[in-house]
């Protein structure tokens, strides 16, 4: 599985482990996902997407963190080792990440 940004800012950019932690690779620059530059994050589940898409609770992803979360409904895999995370950066940029279990666990540890 390729870990990458699948929506929002930095779409199409890979996510990898760098010398200082997990980062989005933006050309030769690494944008580290740390408490210093990430304001908040949410783990996007199929239940959240269905709920947001039905209009029941659009605020569940911090005021529609990435806009219409319902667009994700068809893209969520039923694979336990694949995670989708919505990231809001301190500079107001937003990204939706698709990551494997190893990257997911490290990100949760680094951002908690």
PDB file of N, CA and C in Angstrom:
ATOM      1  N   UNK A   1       0.840  -1.182   0.000  1.00  0.00           N
ATOM      2  CA  UNK A   1       0.000   0.000   0.000  1.00  0.00           C
ATOM      3  C   UNK A   1       0.884   1.244   0.000  1.00  0.00           C
ATOM      4  N   UNK A   2       0.495   2.210  -0.793  1.00  0.00           N
ATOM      5  CA  UNK A   2       1.196   3.486  -0.816  1.00  0.00           C
ATOM      6  C   UNK A   2       0.452   4.446   0.106  1.00  0.00           C
ATOM      7  N   UNK A   3       1.143   4.981   1.090  1.00  0.00           N
ATOM      8  CA  UNK A   3       0.547   5.978   1.983  1.00  0.00           C
ATOM      9  C   UNK A   3       0.645   7.326   1.282  1.00  0.00           C
ATOM     10  N   UNK A   4      -0.494   8.043   1.218  1.00  0.00           N
ATOM     11  CA  UNK A   4      -0.511   9.294   0.464  1.00  0.00           C
ATOM     12  C   UNK A   4      -1.635  10.203   0.931  1.00  0.00           C
ATOM     13  N   UNK A   5      -1.553  11.456   0.498  1.00  0.00           N
ATOM     14  CA  UNK A   5      -2.635  12.416   0.692  1.00  0.00           C
ATOM     15  C   UNK A   5      -3.611  12.190  -0.452  1.00  0.00           C
ATOM     16  N   UNK A   6      -4.884  11.901  -0.111  1.00  0.00           N
ATOM     17  CA  UNK A   6      -5.857  11.567  -1.159  1.00  0.00           C
ATOM     18  C   UNK A   6      -6.861  12.683  -1.422  1.00  0.00           C
ATOM     19  N   UNK A   7      -6.847  13.753  -0.602  1.00  0.00           N
ATOM     20  CA  UNK A   7      -7.742  14.891  -0.844  1.00  0.00           C
ATOM     21  C   UNK A   7      -7.221  16.105  -0.090  1.00  0.00           C
ATOM     22  N   UNK A   8      -7.639  17.276  -0.544  1.00  0.00           N
ATOM     23  CA  UNK A   8      -7.264  18.513   0.131  1.00  0.00           C
ATOM     24  C   UNK A   8      -5.900  19.024  -0.306  1.00  0.00           C
ATOM     25  N   UNK A   9      -5.275  19.798   0.579  1.00  0.00           N
ATOM     26  CA  UNK A   9      -3.944  20.319   0.283  1.00  0.00           C
ATOM     27  C   UNK A   9      -2.944  19.166   0.236  1.00  0.00           C
ATOM     28  N   UNK A  10      -1.997  19.252  -0.640  1.00  0.00           N
ATOM     29  CA  UNK A  10      -0.941  18.254  -0.844  1.00  0.00           C
ATOM     30  C   UNK A  10      -1.450  16.959  -1.485  1.00  0.00           C
ATOM     31  N   UNK A  11      -2.644  16.993  -2.118  1.00  0.00           N
ATOM     32  CA  UNK A  11      -3.194  15.793  -2.737  1.00  0.00           C
ATOM     33  C   UNK A  11      -2.174  15.175  -3.690  1.00  0.00           C
ATOM     34  N   UNK A  12      -2.067  13.854  -3.629  1.00  0.00           N
ATOM     35  CA  UNK A  12      -1.147  13.115  -4.483  1.00  0.00           C
ATOM     36  C   UNK A  12       0.256  12.966  -3.925  1.00  0.00           C
ATOM     37  N   UNK A  13       0.557  13.670  -2.847  1.00  0.00           N
ATOM     38  CA  UNK A  13       1.895  13.586  -2.270  1.00  0.00           C
ATOM     39  C   UNK A  13       1.996  12.365  -1.351  1.00  0.00           C
ATOM     40  N   UNK A  14       3.123  11.658  -1.422  1.00  0.00           N
ATOM     41  CA  UNK A  14       3.296  10.483  -0.562  1.00  0.00           C
ATOM     42  C   UNK A  14       3.570  10.866   0.891  1.00  0.00           C
ATOM     43  N   UNK A  15       3.270   9.934   1.777  1.00  0.00           N
ATOM     44  CA  UNK A  15       3.550  10.091   3.200  1.00  0.00           C
ATOM     45  C   UNK A  15       4.596   9.046   3.547  1.00  0.00           C
ATOM     46  N   UNK A  16       5.624   9.486   4.261  1.00  0.00           N
ATOM     47  CA  UNK A  16       6.694   8.549   4.601  1.00  0.00           C
ATOM     48  C   UNK A  16       7.310   8.893   5.936  1.00  0.00           C
ATOM     49  N   UNK A  17       8.100   7.967   6.414  1.00  0.00           N
ATOM     50  CA  UNK A  17       8.860   8.206   7.638  1.00  0.00           C
ATOM     51  C   UNK A  17      10.114   8.985   7.254  1.00  0.00           C
ATOM     52  N   UNK A  18      10.351  10.076   7.961  1.00  0.00           N
ATOM     53  CA  UNK A  18      11.562  10.856   7.768  1.00  0.00           C
ATOM     54  C   UNK A  18      12.416  10.750   9.017  1.00  0.00           C
ATOM     55  N   UNK A  19      13.551  11.420   9.031  1.00  0.00           N
ATOM     56  CA  UNK A  19      14.432  11.348  10.202  1.00  0.00           C
ATOM     57  C   UNK A  19      13.822  11.950  11.461  1.00  0.00           C
ATOM     58  N   UNK A  20      12.805  12.804  11.308  1.00  0.00           N
ATOM     59  CA  UNK A  20      12.176  13.443  12.472  1.00  0.00           C
ATOM     60  C   UNK A  20      10.740  12.984  12.690  1.00  0.00           C
ATOM     61  N   UNK A  21      10.306  11.917  12.010  1.00  0.00           N
ATOM     62  CA  UNK A  21       8.950  11.411  12.175  1.00  0.00           C
ATOM     63  C   UNK A  21       8.228  11.255  10.855  1.00  0.00           C
ATOM     64  N   UNK A  22       6.899  11.210  10.921  1.00  0.00           N
ATOM     65  CA  UNK A  22       6.063  11.026   9.739  1.00  0.00           C
ATOM     66  C   UNK A  22       5.914  12.361   9.011  1.00  0.00           C
ATOM     67  N   UNK A  23       6.030  12.321   7.682  1.00  0.00           N
ATOM     68  CA  UNK A  23       6.003  13.560   6.910  1.00  0.00           C
ATOM     69  C   UNK A  23       5.315  13.356   5.566  1.00  0.00           C
ATOM     70  N   UNK A  24       4.786  14.456   5.037  1.00  0.00           N
ATOM     71  CA  UNK A  24       4.295  14.510   3.668  1.00  0.00           C
ATOM     72  C   UNK A  24       5.470  14.974   2.816  1.00  0.00           C
ATOM     73  N   UNK A  25       5.771  14.221   1.767  1.00  0.00           N
ATOM     74  CA  UNK A  25       6.862  14.590   0.879  1.00  0.00           C
ATOM     75  C   UNK A  25       6.329  15.546  -0.181  1.00  0.00           C
ATOM     76  N   UNK A  26       6.817  16.790  -0.146  1.00  0.00           N
ATOM     77  CA  UNK A  26       6.417  17.822  -1.093  1.00  0.00           C
ATOM     78  C   UNK A  26       7.656  18.191  -1.899  1.00  0.00           C
ATOM     79  N   UNK A  27       7.894  17.421  -2.946  1.00  0.00           N
ATOM     80  CA  UNK A  27       9.134  17.591  -3.705  1.00  0.00           C
ATOM     81  C   UNK A  27      10.305  17.162  -2.840  1.00  0.00           C
ATOM     82  N   UNK A  28      11.274  18.050  -2.674  1.00  0.00           N
ATOM     83  CA  UNK A  28      12.430  17.748  -1.835  1.00  0.00           C
ATOM     84  C   UNK A  28      12.199  18.152  -0.388  1.00  0.00           C
ATOM     85  N   UNK A  29      11.067  18.777  -0.119  1.00  0.00           N
ATOM     86  CA  UNK A  29      10.735  19.266   1.221  1.00  0.00           C
ATOM     87  C   UNK A  29       9.868  18.235   1.950  1.00  0.00           C
ATOM     88  N   UNK A  30      10.130  18.043   3.242  1.00  0.00           N
ATOM     89  CA  UNK A  30       9.299  17.178   4.070  1.00  0.00           C
ATOM     90  C   UNK A  30       8.480  18.052   5.012  1.00  0.00           C
ATOM     91  N   UNK A  31       7.167  17.833   5.018  1.00  0.00           N
ATOM     92  CA  UNK A  31       6.274  18.558   5.918  1.00  0.00           C
ATOM     93  C   UNK A  31       5.918  17.591   7.037  1.00  0.00           C
ATOM     94  N   UNK A  32       6.554  17.775   8.179  1.00  0.00           N
ATOM     95  CA  UNK A  32       6.373  16.847   9.288  1.00  0.00           C
ATOM     96  C   UNK A  32       5.016  17.038   9.954  1.00  0.00           C
ATOM     97  N   UNK A  33       4.411  15.917  10.321  1.00  0.00           N
ATOM     98  CA  UNK A  33       3.125  15.920  10.999  1.00  0.00           C
ATOM     99  C   UNK A  33       3.383  15.817  12.494  1.00  0.00           C
ATOM    100  N   UNK A  34       3.515  16.974  13.124  1.00  0.00           N
ATOM    101  CA  UNK A  34       3.834  17.061  14.547  1.00  0.00           C
ATOM    102  C   UNK A  34       2.820  17.954  15.252  1.00  0.00           C
ATOM    103  N   UNK A  35       2.860  17.941  16.559  1.00  0.00           N
ATOM    104  CA  UNK A  35       1.975  18.814  17.337  1.00  0.00           C
ATOM    105  C   UNK A  35       2.236  20.285  17.026  1.00  0.00           C
ATOM    106  N   UNK A  36       3.446  20.603  16.592  1.00  0.00           N
ATOM    107  CA  UNK A  36       3.794  21.989  16.288  1.00  0.00           C
ATOM    108  C   UNK A  36       3.072  22.533  15.063  1.00  0.00           C
ATOM    109  N   UNK A  37       2.805  21.670  14.068  1.00  0.00           N
ATOM    110  CA  UNK A  37       2.157  22.192  12.864  1.00  0.00           C
ATOM    111  C   UNK A  37       0.799  21.572  12.544  1.00  0.00           C
ATOM    112  N   UNK A  38       0.333  20.616  13.354  1.00  0.00           N
ATOM    113  CA  UNK A  38      -0.993  20.033  13.160  1.00  0.00           C
ATOM    114  C   UNK A  38      -1.908  20.523  14.278  1.00  0.00           C
ATOM    115  N   UNK A  39      -2.964  21.206  13.882  1.00  0.00           N
ATOM    116  CA  UNK A  39      -3.925  21.746  14.853  1.00  0.00           C
ATOM    117  C   UNK A  39      -4.824  20.636  15.398  1.00  0.00           C
ATOM    118  N   UNK A  40      -5.329  19.784  14.496  1.00  0.00           N
ATOM    119  CA  UNK A  40      -6.207  18.696  14.910  1.00  0.00           C
ATOM    120  C   UNK A  40      -6.208  17.595  13.858  1.00  0.00           C
ATOM    121  N   UNK A  41      -6.691  16.436  14.296  1.00  0.00           N
ATOM    122  CA  UNK A  41      -6.846  15.319  13.362  1.00  0.00           C
ATOM    123  C   UNK A  41      -8.062  14.504  13.780  1.00  0.00           C
ATOM    124  N   UNK A  42      -8.633  13.833  12.810  1.00  0.00           N
ATOM    125  CA  UNK A  42      -9.762  12.929  13.042  1.00  0.00           C
ATOM    126  C   UNK A  42      -9.523  11.668  12.239  1.00  0.00           C
ATOM    127  N   UNK A  43      -9.903  10.550  12.815  1.00  0.00           N
ATOM    128  CA  UNK A  43      -9.867   9.293  12.089  1.00  0.00           C
ATOM    129  C   UNK A  43     -11.223   9.158  11.414  1.00  0.00           C
ATOM    130  N   UNK A  44     -11.212   8.999  10.101  1.00  0.00           N
ATOM    131  CA  UNK A  44     -12.439   8.933   9.322  1.00  0.00           C
ATOM    132  C   UNK A  44     -12.828   7.466   9.166  1.00  0.00           C
ATOM    133  N   UNK A  45     -14.003   7.137   9.650  1.00  0.00           N
ATOM    134  CA  UNK A  45     -14.500   5.776   9.528  1.00  0.00           C
ATOM    135  C   UNK A  45     -15.670   5.761   8.561  1.00  0.00           C
ATOM    136  N   UNK A  46     -16.054   4.578   8.154  1.00  0.00           N
ATOM    137  CA  UNK A  46     -17.203   4.445   7.253  1.00  0.00           C
ATOM    138  C   UNK A  46     -18.462   5.003   7.919  1.00  0.00           C
ATOM    139  N   UNK A  47     -18.597   4.807   9.222  1.00  0.00           N
ATOM    140  CA  UNK A  47     -19.759   5.328   9.948  1.00  0.00           C
ATOM    141  C   UNK A  47     -19.803   6.851   9.911  1.00  0.00           C
ATOM    142  N   UNK A  48     -18.663   7.505  10.075  1.00  0.00           N
ATOM    143  CA  UNK A  48     -18.608   8.969  10.025  1.00  0.00           C
ATOM    144  C   UNK A  48     -19.004   9.464   8.642  1.00  0.00           C
ATOM    145  N   UNK A  49     -18.513   8.794   7.605  1.00  0.00           N
ATOM    146  CA  UNK A  49     -18.853   9.208   6.237  1.00  0.00           C
ATOM    147  C   UNK A  49     -20.338   9.072   5.968  1.00  0.00           C
ATOM    148  N   UNK A  50     -20.930   7.970   6.387  1.00  0.00           N
ATOM    149  CA  UNK A  50     -22.363   7.772   6.174  1.00  0.00           C
ATOM    150  C   UNK A  50     -23.159   8.823   6.939  1.00  0.00           C
ATOM    151  N   UNK A  51     -22.747   9.094   8.160  1.00  0.00           N
ATOM    152  CA  UNK A  51     -23.436  10.077   8.981  1.00  0.00           C
ATOM    153  C   UNK A  51     -23.331  11.468   8.362  1.00  0.00           C
ATOM    154  N   UNK A  52     -22.140  11.842   7.925  1.00  0.00           N
ATOM    155  CA  UNK A  52     -21.933  13.158   7.317  1.00  0.00           C
ATOM    156  C   UNK A  52     -22.667  13.261   5.984  1.00  0.00           C
ATOM    157  N   UNK A  53     -22.647  12.195   5.225  1.00  0.00           N
ATOM    158  CA  UNK A  53     -23.297  12.214   3.914  1.00  0.00           C
ATOM    159  C   UNK A  53     -24.807  12.337   4.044  1.00  0.00           C
ATOM    160  N   UNK A  54     -25.363  11.771   5.093  1.00  0.00           N
ATOM    161  CA  UNK A  54     -26.811  11.837   5.273  1.00  0.00           C
ATOM    162  C   UNK A  54     -27.248  13.162   5.864  1.00  0.00           C
ATOM    163  N   UNK A  55     -26.302  14.002   6.256  1.00  0.00           N
ATOM    164  CA  UNK A  55     -26.628  15.310   6.782  1.00  0.00           C
ATOM    165  C   UNK A  55     -26.979  15.302   8.254  1.00  0.00           C
ATOM    166  N   UNK A  56     -26.827  14.172   8.922  1.00  0.00           N
ATOM    167  CA  UNK A  56     -27.190  14.075  10.333  1.00  0.00           C
ATOM    168  C   UNK A  56     -26.251  14.892  11.201  1.00  0.00           C
ATOM    169  N   UNK A  57     -24.949  14.770  10.941  1.00  0.00           N
ATOM    170  CA  UNK A  57     -24.005  15.482  11.806  1.00  0.00           C
ATOM    171  C   UNK A  57     -22.770  15.923  11.046  1.00  0.00           C
ATOM    172  N   UNK A  58     -22.917  16.929  10.229  1.00  0.00           N
ATOM    173  CA  UNK A  58     -21.788  17.431   9.446  1.00  0.00           C
ATOM    174  C   UNK A  58     -20.688  18.000  10.330  1.00  0.00           C
ATOM    175  N   UNK A  59     -21.006  18.395  11.541  1.00  0.00           N
ATOM    176  CA  UNK A  59     -20.003  18.935  12.447  1.00  0.00           C
ATOM    177  C   UNK A  59     -19.131  17.874  13.074  1.00  0.00           C
ATOM    178  N   UNK A  60     -19.387  16.615  12.796  1.00  0.00           N
ATOM    179  CA  UNK A  60     -18.639  15.533  13.432  1.00  0.00           C
ATOM    180  C   UNK A  60     -17.165  15.544  13.020  1.00  0.00           C
ATOM    181  N   UNK A  61     -16.857  16.137  11.888  1.00  0.00           N
ATOM    182  CA  UNK A  61     -15.467  16.221  11.442  1.00  0.00           C
ATOM    183  C   UNK A  61     -15.037  17.680  11.526  1.00  0.00           C
ATOM    184  N   UNK A  62     -15.239  18.266  12.695  1.00  0.00           N
ATOM    185  CA  UNK A  62     -14.872  19.654  12.956  1.00  0.00           C
ATOM    186  C   UNK A  62     -15.353  20.594  11.867  1.00  0.00           C
ATOM    187  N   UNK A  63     -16.646  20.678  11.723  1.00  0.00           N
ATOM    188  CA  UNK A  63     -17.217  21.610  10.750  1.00  0.00           C
ATOM    189  C   UNK A  63     -16.853  21.243   9.334  1.00  0.00           C
ATOM    190  N   UNK A  64     -16.971  19.968   9.020  1.00  0.00           N
ATOM    191  CA  UNK A  64     -16.633  19.471   7.679  1.00  0.00           C
ATOM    192  C   UNK A  64     -15.199  19.826   7.340  1.00  0.00           C
ATOM    193  N   UNK A  65     -14.298  19.275   8.109  1.00  0.00           N
ATOM    194  CA  UNK A  65     -12.867  19.550   8.017  1.00  0.00           C
ATOM    195  C   UNK A  65     -12.363  19.572   6.581  1.00  0.00           C
ATOM    196  N   UNK A  66     -12.845  18.671   5.774  1.00  0.00           N
ATOM    197  CA  UNK A  66     -12.387  18.632   4.388  1.00  0.00           C
ATOM    198  C   UNK A  66     -13.503  18.905   3.387  1.00  0.00           C
ATOM    199  N   UNK A  67     -14.564  19.526   3.823  1.00  0.00           N
ATOM    200  CA  UNK A  67     -15.666  19.768   2.909  1.00  0.00           C
ATOM    201  C   UNK A  67     -16.610  18.587   2.909  1.00  0.00           C
ATOM    202  N   UNK A  68     -17.143  18.207   1.762  1.00  0.00           N
ATOM    203  CA  UNK A  68     -18.134  17.133   1.720  1.00  0.00           C
ATOM    204  C   UNK A  68     -17.506  15.764   1.974  1.00  0.00           C
ATOM    205  N   UNK A  69     -17.566  15.344   3.215  1.00  0.00           N
ATOM    206  CA  UNK A  69     -16.981  14.067   3.606  1.00  0.00           C
ATOM    207  C   UNK A  69     -17.678  12.911   2.912  1.00  0.00           C
ATOM    208  N   UNK A  70     -18.904  13.119   2.479  1.00  0.00           N
ATOM    209  CA  UNK A  70     -19.638  12.064   1.799  1.00  0.00           C
ATOM    210  C   UNK A  70     -18.940  11.556   0.543  1.00  0.00           C
ATOM    211  N   UNK A  71     -18.075  12.356  -0.037  1.00  0.00           N
ATOM    212  CA  UNK A  71     -17.329  11.921  -1.214  1.00  0.00           C
ATOM    213  C   UNK A  71     -16.435  10.731  -0.899  1.00  0.00           C
ATOM    214  N   UNK A  72     -16.101  10.558   0.361  1.00  0.00           N
ATOM    215  CA  UNK A  72     -15.222   9.462   0.759  1.00  0.00           C
ATOM    216  C   UNK A  72     -15.950   8.143   0.896  1.00  0.00           C
ATOM    217  N   UNK A  73     -17.244   8.198   1.013  1.00  0.00           N
ATOM    218  CA  UNK A  73     -18.009   7.008   1.352  1.00  0.00           C
ATOM    219  C   UNK A  73     -17.655   5.815   0.458  1.00  0.00           C
ATOM    220  N   UNK A  74     -17.533   6.042  -0.822  1.00  0.00           N
ATOM    221  CA  UNK A  74     -17.222   4.948  -1.726  1.00  0.00           C
ATOM    222  C   UNK A  74     -15.752   4.571  -1.760  1.00  0.00           C
ATOM    223  N   UNK A  75     -14.891   5.375  -1.134  1.00  0.00           N
ATOM    224  CA  UNK A  75     -13.467   5.096  -1.224  1.00  0.00           C
ATOM    225  C   UNK A  75     -12.914   4.360  -0.024  1.00  0.00           C
ATOM    226  N   UNK A  76     -13.663   4.275   1.061  1.00  0.00           N
ATOM    227  CA  UNK A  76     -13.151   3.600   2.246  1.00  0.00           C
ATOM    228  C   UNK A  76     -13.070   2.107   1.995  1.00  0.00           C
ATOM    229  N   UNK A  77     -11.904   1.574   2.216  1.00  0.00           N
ATOM    230  CA  UNK A  77     -11.710   0.145   2.042  1.00  0.00           C
ATOM    231  C   UNK A  77     -12.110  -0.573   3.321  1.00  0.00           C
ATOM    232  N   UNK A  78     -12.529  -1.789   3.183  1.00  0.00           N
ATOM    233  CA  UNK A  78     -12.905  -2.584   4.352  1.00  0.00           C
ATOM    234  C   UNK A  78     -11.689  -3.344   4.857  1.00  0.00           C
ATOM    235  N   UNK A  79     -10.545  -2.749   4.773  1.00  0.00           N
ATOM    236  CA  UNK A  79      -9.296  -3.354   5.187  1.00  0.00           C
ATOM    237  C   UNK A  79      -8.903  -2.767   6.536  1.00  0.00           C
ATOM    238  N   UNK A  80      -8.699  -3.610   7.515  1.00  0.00           N
ATOM    239  CA  UNK A  80      -8.369  -3.147   8.857  1.00  0.00           C
ATOM    240  C   UNK A  80      -7.010  -2.462   8.911  1.00  0.00           C
ATOM    241  N   UNK A  81      -6.179  -2.695   7.933  1.00  0.00           N
ATOM    242  CA  UNK A  81      -4.834  -2.120   7.935  1.00  0.00           C
ATOM    243  C   UNK A  81      -4.741  -0.818   7.149  1.00  0.00           C
ATOM    244  N   UNK A  82      -5.865  -0.279   6.702  1.00  0.00           N
ATOM    245  CA  UNK A  82      -5.897   0.983   5.968  1.00  0.00           C
ATOM    246  C   UNK A  82      -6.714   1.979   6.776  1.00  0.00           C
ATOM    247  N   UNK A  83      -6.133   3.156   7.005  1.00  0.00           N
ATOM    248  CA  UNK A  83      -6.796   4.187   7.804  1.00  0.00           C
ATOM    249  C   UNK A  83      -6.876   5.479   7.013  1.00  0.00           C
ATOM    250  N   UNK A  84      -7.941   6.230   7.259  1.00  0.00           N
ATOM    251  CA  UNK A  84      -8.122   7.546   6.656  1.00  0.00           C
ATOM    252  C   UNK A  84      -8.145   8.553   7.785  1.00  0.00           C
ATOM    253  N   UNK A  85      -7.310   9.571   7.670  1.00  0.00           N
ATOM    254  CA  UNK A  85      -7.197  10.589   8.712  1.00  0.00           C
ATOM    255  C   UNK A  85      -7.325  11.972   8.088  1.00  0.00           C
ATOM    256  N   UNK A  86      -8.195  12.787   8.673  1.00  0.00           N
ATOM    257  CA  UNK A  86      -8.328  14.181   8.262  1.00  0.00           C
ATOM    258  C   UNK A  86      -7.415  15.010   9.157  1.00  0.00           C
ATOM    259  N   UNK A  87      -6.561  15.798   8.537  1.00  0.00           N
ATOM    260  CA  UNK A  87      -5.587  16.613   9.258  1.00  0.00           C
ATOM    261  C   UNK A  87      -5.880  18.084   8.987  1.00  0.00           C
ATOM    262  N   UNK A  88      -5.938  18.879  10.040  1.00  0.00           N
ATOM    263  CA  UNK A  88      -6.018  20.332   9.880  1.00  0.00           C
ATOM    264  C   UNK A  88      -4.723  20.908  10.427  1.00  0.00           C
ATOM    265  N   UNK A  89      -4.004  21.607   9.557  1.00  0.00           N
ATOM    266  CA  UNK A  89      -2.738  22.216   9.938  1.00  0.00           C
ATOM    267  C   UNK A  89      -2.969  23.556  10.621  1.00  0.00           C
ATOM    268  N   UNK A  90      -2.011  24.002  11.363  1.00  0.00           N
ATOM    269  CA  UNK A  90      -2.106  25.296  12.055  1.00  0.00           C
ATOM    270  C   UNK A  90      -2.163  26.458  11.061  1.00  0.00           C
ATOM    271  N   UNK A  91      -1.655  26.266   9.841  1.00  0.00           N
ATOM    272  CA  UNK A  91      -1.704  27.319   8.820  1.00  0.00           C
ATOM    273  C   UNK A  91      -3.005  27.271   8.002  1.00  0.00           C
ATOM    274  N   UNK A  92      -4.010  26.536   8.493  1.00  0.00           N
ATOM    275  CA  UNK A  92      -5.344  26.398   7.896  1.00  0.00           C
ATOM    276  C   UNK A  92      -5.408  25.450   6.703  1.00  0.00           C
ATOM    277  N   UNK A  93      -4.322  24.839   6.310  1.00  0.00           N
ATOM    278  CA  UNK A  93      -4.383  23.851   5.239  1.00  0.00           C
ATOM    279  C   UNK A  93      -5.017  22.585   5.806  1.00  0.00           C
ATOM    280  N   UNK A  94      -5.611  21.799   4.906  1.00  0.00           N
ATOM    281  CA  UNK A  94      -6.294  20.568   5.297  1.00  0.00           C
ATOM    282  C   UNK A  94      -5.955  19.457   4.318  1.00  0.00           C
ATOM    283  N   UNK A  95      -5.801  18.267   4.852  1.00  0.00           N
ATOM    284  CA  UNK A  95      -5.486  17.114   4.015  1.00  0.00           C
ATOM    285  C   UNK A  95      -6.187  15.875   4.533  1.00  0.00           C
ATOM    286  N   UNK A  96      -6.523  14.980   3.615  1.00  0.00           N
ATOM    287  CA  UNK A  96      -7.041  13.676   3.972  1.00  0.00           C
ATOM    288  C   UNK A  96      -5.973  12.654   3.611  1.00  0.00           C
ATOM    289  N   UNK A  97      -5.546  11.894   4.610  1.00  0.00           N
ATOM    290  CA  UNK A  97      -4.472  10.925   4.426  1.00  0.00           C
ATOM    291  C   UNK A  97      -5.023   9.509   4.359  1.00  0.00           C
ATOM    292  N   UNK A  98      -4.402   8.680   3.538  1.00  0.00           N
ATOM    293  CA  UNK A  98      -4.662   7.247   3.540  1.00  0.00           C
ATOM    294  C   UNK A  98      -3.347   6.596   3.939  1.00  0.00           C
ATOM    295  N   UNK A  99      -3.363   5.915   5.088  1.00  0.00           N
ATOM    296  CA  UNK A  99      -2.123   5.379   5.637  1.00  0.00           C
ATOM    297  C   UNK A  99      -2.286   3.931   6.067  1.00  0.00           C
ATOM    298  N   UNK A 100      -1.155   3.255   6.166  1.00  0.00           N
ATOM    299  CA  UNK A 100      -1.164   1.883   6.647  1.00  0.00           C
ATOM    300  C   UNK A 100      -1.092   1.866   8.175  1.00  0.00           C
ATOM    301  N   UNK A 101      -1.123   0.683   8.741  1.00  0.00           N
ATOM    302  CA  UNK A 101      -1.165   0.522  10.189  1.00  0.00           C
ATOM    303  C   UNK A 101       0.067   1.106  10.882  1.00  0.00           C
ATOM    304  N   UNK A 102       1.231   0.921  10.309  1.00  0.00           N
ATOM    305  CA  UNK A 102       2.477   1.410  10.925  1.00  0.00           C
ATOM    306  C   UNK A 102       2.482   2.940  10.995  1.00  0.00           C
ATOM    307  N   UNK A 103       2.168   3.604   9.890  1.00  0.00           N
ATOM    308  CA  UNK A 103       2.139   5.069   9.848  1.00  0.00           C
ATOM    309  C   UNK A 103       1.022   5.595  10.761  1.00  0.00           C
ATOM    310  N   UNK A 104      -0.136   4.948  10.708  1.00  0.00           N
ATOM    311  CA  UNK A 104      -1.268   5.356  11.543  1.00  0.00           C
ATOM    312  C   UNK A 104      -0.892   5.356  13.022  1.00  0.00           C
ATOM    313  N   UNK A 105      -0.342   4.265  13.493  1.00  0.00           N
ATOM    314  CA  UNK A 105       0.014   4.153  14.918  1.00  0.00           C
ATOM    315  C   UNK A 105       1.044   5.208  15.324  1.00  0.00           C
ATOM    316  N   UNK A 106       2.009   5.460  14.458  1.00  0.00           N
ATOM    317  CA  UNK A 106       3.021   6.478  14.775  1.00  0.00           C
ATOM    318  C   UNK A 106       2.409   7.878  14.798  1.00  0.00           C
ATOM    319  N   UNK A 107       1.530   8.159  13.854  1.00  0.00           N
ATOM    320  CA  UNK A 107       0.877   9.478  13.827  1.00  0.00           C
ATOM    321  C   UNK A 107       0.030   9.725  15.072  1.00  0.00           C
ATOM    322  N   UNK A 108      -0.751   8.726  15.468  1.00  0.00           N
ATOM    323  CA  UNK A 108      -1.576   8.873  16.665  1.00  0.00           C
ATOM    324  C   UNK A 108      -0.690   9.118  17.880  1.00  0.00           C
ATOM    325  N   UNK A 109       0.400   8.410  17.962  1.00  0.00           N
ATOM    326  CA  UNK A 109       1.348   8.591  19.068  1.00  0.00           C
ATOM    327  C   UNK A 109       1.956  10.001  19.025  1.00  0.00           C
ATOM    328  N   UNK A 110       2.398  10.436  17.852  1.00  0.00           N
ATOM    329  CA  UNK A 110       3.055  11.742  17.710  1.00  0.00           C
ATOM    330  C   UNK A 110       2.101  12.914  17.928  1.00  0.00           C
ATOM    331  N   UNK A 111       0.821  12.750  17.567  1.00  0.00           N
ATOM    332  CA  UNK A 111      -0.122  13.863  17.625  1.00  0.00           C
ATOM    333  C   UNK A 111      -0.956  13.892  18.905  1.00  0.00           C
ATOM    334  N   UNK A 112      -0.859  12.851  19.708  1.00  0.00           N
ATOM    335  CA  UNK A 112      -1.649  12.805  20.966  1.00  0.00           C
ATOM    336  C   UNK A 112      -0.926  13.483  22.112  1.00  0.00           C
TER     337      UNK A 112
END
